[in-house]
Amino acid sequence: MKKFIPLLVGLFFLSLASCELSDDDGTNFVYEAVEITNAKVPDTFELGKVYQIDFNYAIPTDCYIYNGFEFEPTDKTERAIFAISSVIERDDCKEIVDGEGTDSFNFEVRYTDTYTFNFYTGEDENGEKQYLTYEVPVKQSVRN
């Protein structure tokens, strides 16, 4: 029995050495900003309040998986919003007709200046980023 135990221990360690600990199946993906097709923003903001802003984004093929959005301040009251997807690198991606999703974020109004929201829609033929732009003025709350 004493000779059997070292043999078992040796086989155990040999089996561990032959196991692949990675679960990488060779599938690669990249992150990509996808088109925001429209957004719903209020006509005006009130200082100090929080507003929900909804937007729709396009999913062109079944290789795209929506991951959320990036919110980038570009000035004191200007924001750029990007819808981000993981894109699986495959050759057999199928186009999705009317592939659209919806997301939202809460936005707190902290300044009295007009806010500008630039929702990314893609790039033009020169590689320049294009945006849907919404300007929302801030009204002062009337206090008695």
C-alpha atoms as a PDB file:
ATOM      1  CA  MET A   1       0.000   0.000   0.000  1.00  0.00           C
ATOM      2  CA  LYS A   2       2.893   2.349   0.768  1.00  0.00           C
ATOM      3  CA  LYS A   3       4.171   1.962  -2.828  1.00  0.00           C
ATOM      4  CA  PHE A   4       0.692   2.692  -4.177  1.00  0.00           C
ATOM      5  CA  ILE A   5       0.346   6.150  -2.510  1.00  0.00           C
ATOM      6  CA  PRO A   6       3.404   7.726  -4.237  1.00  0.00           C
ATOM      7  CA  LEU A   7       2.133   6.325  -7.542  1.00  0.00           C
ATOM      8  CA  LEU A   8      -1.282   7.972  -6.988  1.00  0.00           C
ATOM      9  CA  VAL A   9       0.329  11.274  -5.993  1.00  0.00           C
ATOM     10  CA  GLY A  10       2.545  11.129  -9.087  1.00  0.00           C
ATOM     11  CA  LEU A  11      -0.420  10.414 -11.356  1.00  0.00           C
ATOM     12  CA  PHE A  12      -2.382  13.230  -9.755  1.00  0.00           C
ATOM     13  CA  PHE A  13       0.360  15.792 -10.435  1.00  0.00           C
ATOM     14  CA  LEU A  14       0.877  14.442 -13.942  1.00  0.00           C
ATOM     15  CA  SER A  15      -2.837  14.868 -14.659  1.00  0.00           C
ATOM     16  CA  LEU A  16      -2.722  18.461 -13.377  1.00  0.00           C
ATOM     17  CA  ALA A  17       0.200  19.253 -15.631  1.00  0.00           C
ATOM     18  CA  SER A  18      -1.691  17.963 -18.657  1.00  0.00           C
ATOM     19  CA  CYS A  19      -4.868  19.968 -17.933  1.00  0.00           C
ATOM     20  CA  GLU A  20      -5.330  23.257 -19.675  1.00  0.00           C
ATOM     21  CA  LEU A  21      -6.383  25.797 -17.079  1.00  0.00           C
ATOM     22  CA  SER A  22      -7.454  28.345 -19.679  1.00  0.00           C
ATOM     23  CA  ASP A  23     -11.038  28.264 -20.918  1.00  0.00           C
ATOM     24  CA  ASP A  24     -10.048  30.255 -24.008  1.00  0.00           C
ATOM     25  CA  ASP A  25     -11.877  28.694 -26.932  1.00  0.00           C
ATOM     26  CA  GLY A  26     -10.059  30.864 -29.469  1.00  0.00           C
ATOM     27  CA  THR A  27     -12.941  33.322 -29.871  1.00  0.00           C
ATOM     28  CA  ASN A  28     -11.696  36.870 -30.197  1.00  0.00           C
ATOM     29  CA  PHE A  29     -13.672  40.057 -29.794  1.00  0.00           C
ATOM     30  CA  VAL A  30     -13.161  43.806 -29.925  1.00  0.00           C
ATOM     31  CA  TYR A  31     -15.083  46.699 -28.431  1.00  0.00           C
ATOM     32  CA  GLU A  32     -16.783  49.028 -30.868  1.00  0.00           C
ATOM     33  CA  ALA A  33     -18.993  52.087 -30.587  1.00  0.00           C
ATOM     34  CA  VAL A  34     -22.284  51.488 -32.392  1.00  0.00           C
ATOM     35  CA  GLU A  35     -24.723  53.983 -33.831  1.00  0.00           C
ATOM     36  CA  ILE A  36     -27.099  55.762 -31.497  1.00  0.00           C
ATOM     37  CA  THR A  37     -30.212  56.202 -33.610  1.00  0.00           C
ATOM     38  CA  ASN A  38     -32.187  58.620 -31.418  1.00  0.00           C
ATOM     39  CA  ALA A  39     -32.488  59.974 -27.912  1.00  0.00           C
ATOM     40  CA  LYS A  40     -35.212  61.344 -25.702  1.00  0.00           C
ATOM     41  CA  VAL A  41     -34.110  64.394 -23.752  1.00  0.00           C
ATOM     42  CA  PRO A  42     -36.268  66.972 -21.974  1.00  0.00           C
ATOM     43  CA  ASP A  43     -36.964  70.347 -23.592  1.00  0.00           C
ATOM     44  CA  THR A  44     -35.586  72.100 -20.517  1.00  0.00           C
ATOM     45  CA  PHE A  45     -33.793  71.229 -17.305  1.00  0.00           C
ATOM     46  CA  GLU A  46     -34.254  72.625 -13.828  1.00  0.00           C
ATOM     47  CA  LEU A  47     -31.146  73.223 -11.737  1.00  0.00           C
ATOM     48  CA  GLY A  48     -30.552  70.523  -9.110  1.00  0.00           C
ATOM     49  CA  LYS A  49     -32.974  67.974 -10.547  1.00  0.00           C
ATOM     50  CA  VAL A  50     -32.187  64.508 -11.932  1.00  0.00           C
ATOM     51  CA  TYR A  51     -33.549  63.441 -15.318  1.00  0.00           C
ATOM     52  CA  GLN A  52     -33.648  60.084 -17.058  1.00  0.00           C
ATOM     53  CA  ILE A  53     -32.332  60.281 -20.614  1.00  0.00           C
ATOM     54  CA  ASP A  54     -33.229  57.392 -22.931  1.00  0.00           C
ATOM     55  CA  PHE A  55     -31.505  56.474 -26.180  1.00  0.00           C
ATOM     56  CA  ASN A  56     -31.741  53.773 -28.846  1.00  0.00           C
ATOM     57  CA  TYR A  57     -28.751  52.084 -30.454  1.00  0.00           C
ATOM     58  CA  ALA A  58     -28.351  49.873 -33.538  1.00  0.00           C
ATOM     59  CA  ILE A  59     -27.055  46.295 -33.494  1.00  0.00           C
ATOM     60  CA  PRO A  60     -26.056  45.475 -37.090  1.00  0.00           C
ATOM     61  CA  THR A  61     -25.273  41.729 -36.809  1.00  0.00           C
ATOM     62  CA  ASP A  62     -25.596  38.842 -34.390  1.00  0.00           C
ATOM     63  CA  CYS A  63     -21.870  39.208 -33.622  1.00  0.00           C
ATOM     64  CA  TYR A  64     -22.569  42.424 -31.680  1.00  0.00           C
ATOM     65  CA  ILE A  65     -23.353  42.225 -27.967  1.00  0.00           C
ATOM     66  CA  TYR A  66     -24.317  45.484 -26.258  1.00  0.00           C
ATOM     67  CA  ASN A  67     -22.121  46.248 -23.227  1.00  0.00           C
ATOM     68  CA  GLY A  68     -23.331  49.651 -22.065  1.00  0.00           C
ATOM     69  CA  PHE A  69     -22.299  53.188 -22.791  1.00  0.00           C
ATOM     70  CA  GLU A  70     -19.432  55.589 -22.285  1.00  0.00           C
ATOM     71  CA  PHE A  71     -20.213  59.049 -21.021  1.00  0.00           C
ATOM     72  CA  GLU A  72     -17.484  61.548 -21.824  1.00  0.00           C
ATOM     73  CA  PRO A  73     -17.516  65.163 -20.637  1.00  0.00           C
ATOM     74  CA  THR A  74     -16.033  67.364 -23.362  1.00  0.00           C
ATOM     75  CA  ASP A  75     -16.712  70.706 -21.661  1.00  0.00           C
ATOM     76  CA  LYS A  76     -18.388  71.975 -18.482  1.00  0.00           C
ATOM     77  CA  THR A  77     -21.885  71.390 -19.857  1.00  0.00           C
ATOM     78  CA  GLU A  78     -21.158  69.283 -22.931  1.00  0.00           C
ATOM     79  CA  ARG A  79     -21.215  65.476 -23.005  1.00  0.00           C
ATOM     80  CA  ALA A  80     -20.486  62.857 -25.672  1.00  0.00           C
ATOM     81  CA  ILE A  81     -22.342  59.551 -25.297  1.00  0.00           C
ATOM     82  CA  PHE A  82     -21.172  56.338 -27.009  1.00  0.00           C
ATOM     83  CA  ALA A  83     -23.049  52.996 -27.097  1.00  0.00           C
ATOM     84  CA  ILE A  84     -20.432  50.239 -26.732  1.00  0.00           C
ATOM     85  CA  SER A  85     -20.700  46.662 -28.008  1.00  0.00           C
ATOM     86  CA  SER A  86     -18.443  43.641 -27.956  1.00  0.00           C
ATOM     87  CA  VAL A  87     -17.993  42.389 -31.504  1.00  0.00           C
ATOM     88  CA  ILE A  88     -17.143  38.718 -31.880  1.00  0.00           C
ATOM     89  CA  GLU A  89     -14.646  38.250 -34.683  1.00  0.00           C
ATOM     90  CA  ARG A  90     -16.309  35.638 -36.905  1.00  0.00           C
ATOM     91  CA  ASP A  91     -16.844  35.241 -40.622  1.00  0.00           C
ATOM     92  CA  ASP A  92     -20.428  33.975 -40.351  1.00  0.00           C
ATOM     93  CA  CYS A  93     -22.143  36.983 -38.727  1.00  0.00           C
ATOM     94  CA  LYS A  94     -25.759  37.410 -39.762  1.00  0.00           C
ATOM     95  CA  GLU A  95     -27.285  40.831 -40.357  1.00  0.00           C
ATOM     96  CA  ILE A  96     -30.045  41.799 -37.955  1.00  0.00           C
ATOM     97  CA  VAL A  97     -32.907  43.687 -39.559  1.00  0.00           C
ATOM     98  CA  ASP A  98     -34.238  46.343 -37.189  1.00  0.00           C
ATOM     99  CA  GLY A  99     -31.681  45.303 -34.559  1.00  0.00           C
ATOM    100  CA  GLU A 100     -32.172  48.051 -32.029  1.00  0.00           C
ATOM    101  CA  GLY A 101     -31.896  48.278 -28.280  1.00  0.00           C
ATOM    102  CA  THR A 102     -32.651  50.890 -25.640  1.00  0.00           C
ATOM    103  CA  ASP A 103     -30.692  52.133 -22.661  1.00  0.00           C
ATOM    104  CA  SER A 104     -30.843  55.129 -20.341  1.00  0.00           C
ATOM    105  CA  PHE A 105     -28.904  57.073 -17.772  1.00  0.00           C
ATOM    106  CA  ASN A 106     -29.760  59.478 -14.993  1.00  0.00           C
ATOM    107  CA  PHE A 107     -28.385  62.974 -15.366  1.00  0.00           C
ATOM    108  CA  GLU A 108     -28.101  65.536 -12.568  1.00  0.00           C
ATOM    109  CA  VAL A 109     -28.223  69.206 -13.585  1.00  0.00           C
ATOM    110  CA  ARG A 110     -25.440  71.052 -11.732  1.00  0.00           C
ATOM    111  CA  TYR A 111     -24.911  74.201 -13.814  1.00  0.00           C
ATOM    112  CA  THR A 112     -27.165  76.960 -15.109  1.00  0.00           C
ATOM    113  CA  ASP A 113     -25.614  76.970 -18.595  1.00  0.00           C
ATOM    114  CA  THR A 114     -27.290  75.161 -21.509  1.00  0.00           C
ATOM    115  CA  TYR A 115     -26.265  71.492 -21.707  1.00  0.00           C
ATOM    116  CA  THR A 116     -25.203  69.921 -25.005  1.00  0.00           C
ATOM    117  CA  PHE A 117     -25.509  66.161 -25.512  1.00  0.00           C
ATOM    118  CA  ASN A 118     -23.693  64.611 -28.476  1.00  0.00           C
ATOM    119  CA  PHE A 119     -24.887  61.057 -29.164  1.00  0.00           C
ATOM    120  CA  TYR A 120     -22.441  59.178 -31.404  1.00  0.00           C
ATOM    121  CA  THR A 121     -23.912  58.033 -34.735  1.00  0.00           C
ATOM    122  CA  GLY A 122     -20.791  56.796 -36.516  1.00  0.00           C
ATOM    123  CA  GLU A 123     -18.156  58.243 -38.801  1.00  0.00           C
ATOM    124  CA  ASP A 124     -18.467  60.010 -42.127  1.00  0.00           C
ATOM    125  CA  GLU A 125     -16.516  59.091 -45.278  1.00  0.00           C
ATOM    126  CA  ASN A 126     -13.510  61.073 -43.962  1.00  0.00           C
ATOM    127  CA  GLY A 127     -13.423  59.245 -40.639  1.00  0.00           C
ATOM    128  CA  GLU A 128     -14.870  62.198 -38.705  1.00  0.00           C
ATOM    129  CA  LYS A 129     -17.149  61.313 -35.796  1.00  0.00           C
ATOM    130  CA  GLN A 130     -20.786  62.264 -36.313  1.00  0.00           C
ATOM    131  CA  TYR A 131     -23.323  63.022 -33.575  1.00  0.00           C
ATOM    132  CA  LEU A 132     -26.986  63.635 -32.893  1.00  0.00           C
ATOM    133  CA  THR A 133     -26.835  66.875 -30.930  1.00  0.00           C
ATOM    134  CA  TYR A 134     -29.388  68.039 -28.392  1.00  0.00           C
ATOM    135  CA  GLU A 135     -29.177  71.337 -26.531  1.00  0.00           C
ATOM    136  CA  VAL A 136     -31.147  71.627 -23.316  1.00  0.00           C
ATOM    137  CA  PRO A 137     -31.429  75.015 -21.605  1.00  0.00           C
ATOM    138  CA  VAL A 138     -31.591  75.201 -17.819  1.00  0.00           C
ATOM    139  CA  LYS A 139     -34.389  77.231 -16.316  1.00  0.00           C
ATOM    140  CA  GLN A 140     -34.080  78.793 -12.932  1.00  0.00           C
ATOM    141  CA  SER A 141     -36.473  77.483 -10.346  1.00  0.00           C
ATOM    142  CA  VAL A 142     -38.735  80.155  -8.919  1.00  0.00           C
ATOM    143  CA  ARG A 143     -38.637  80.289  -5.138  1.00  0.00           C
ATOM    144  CA  ASN A 144     -41.154  82.197  -3.070  1.00  0.00           C
END
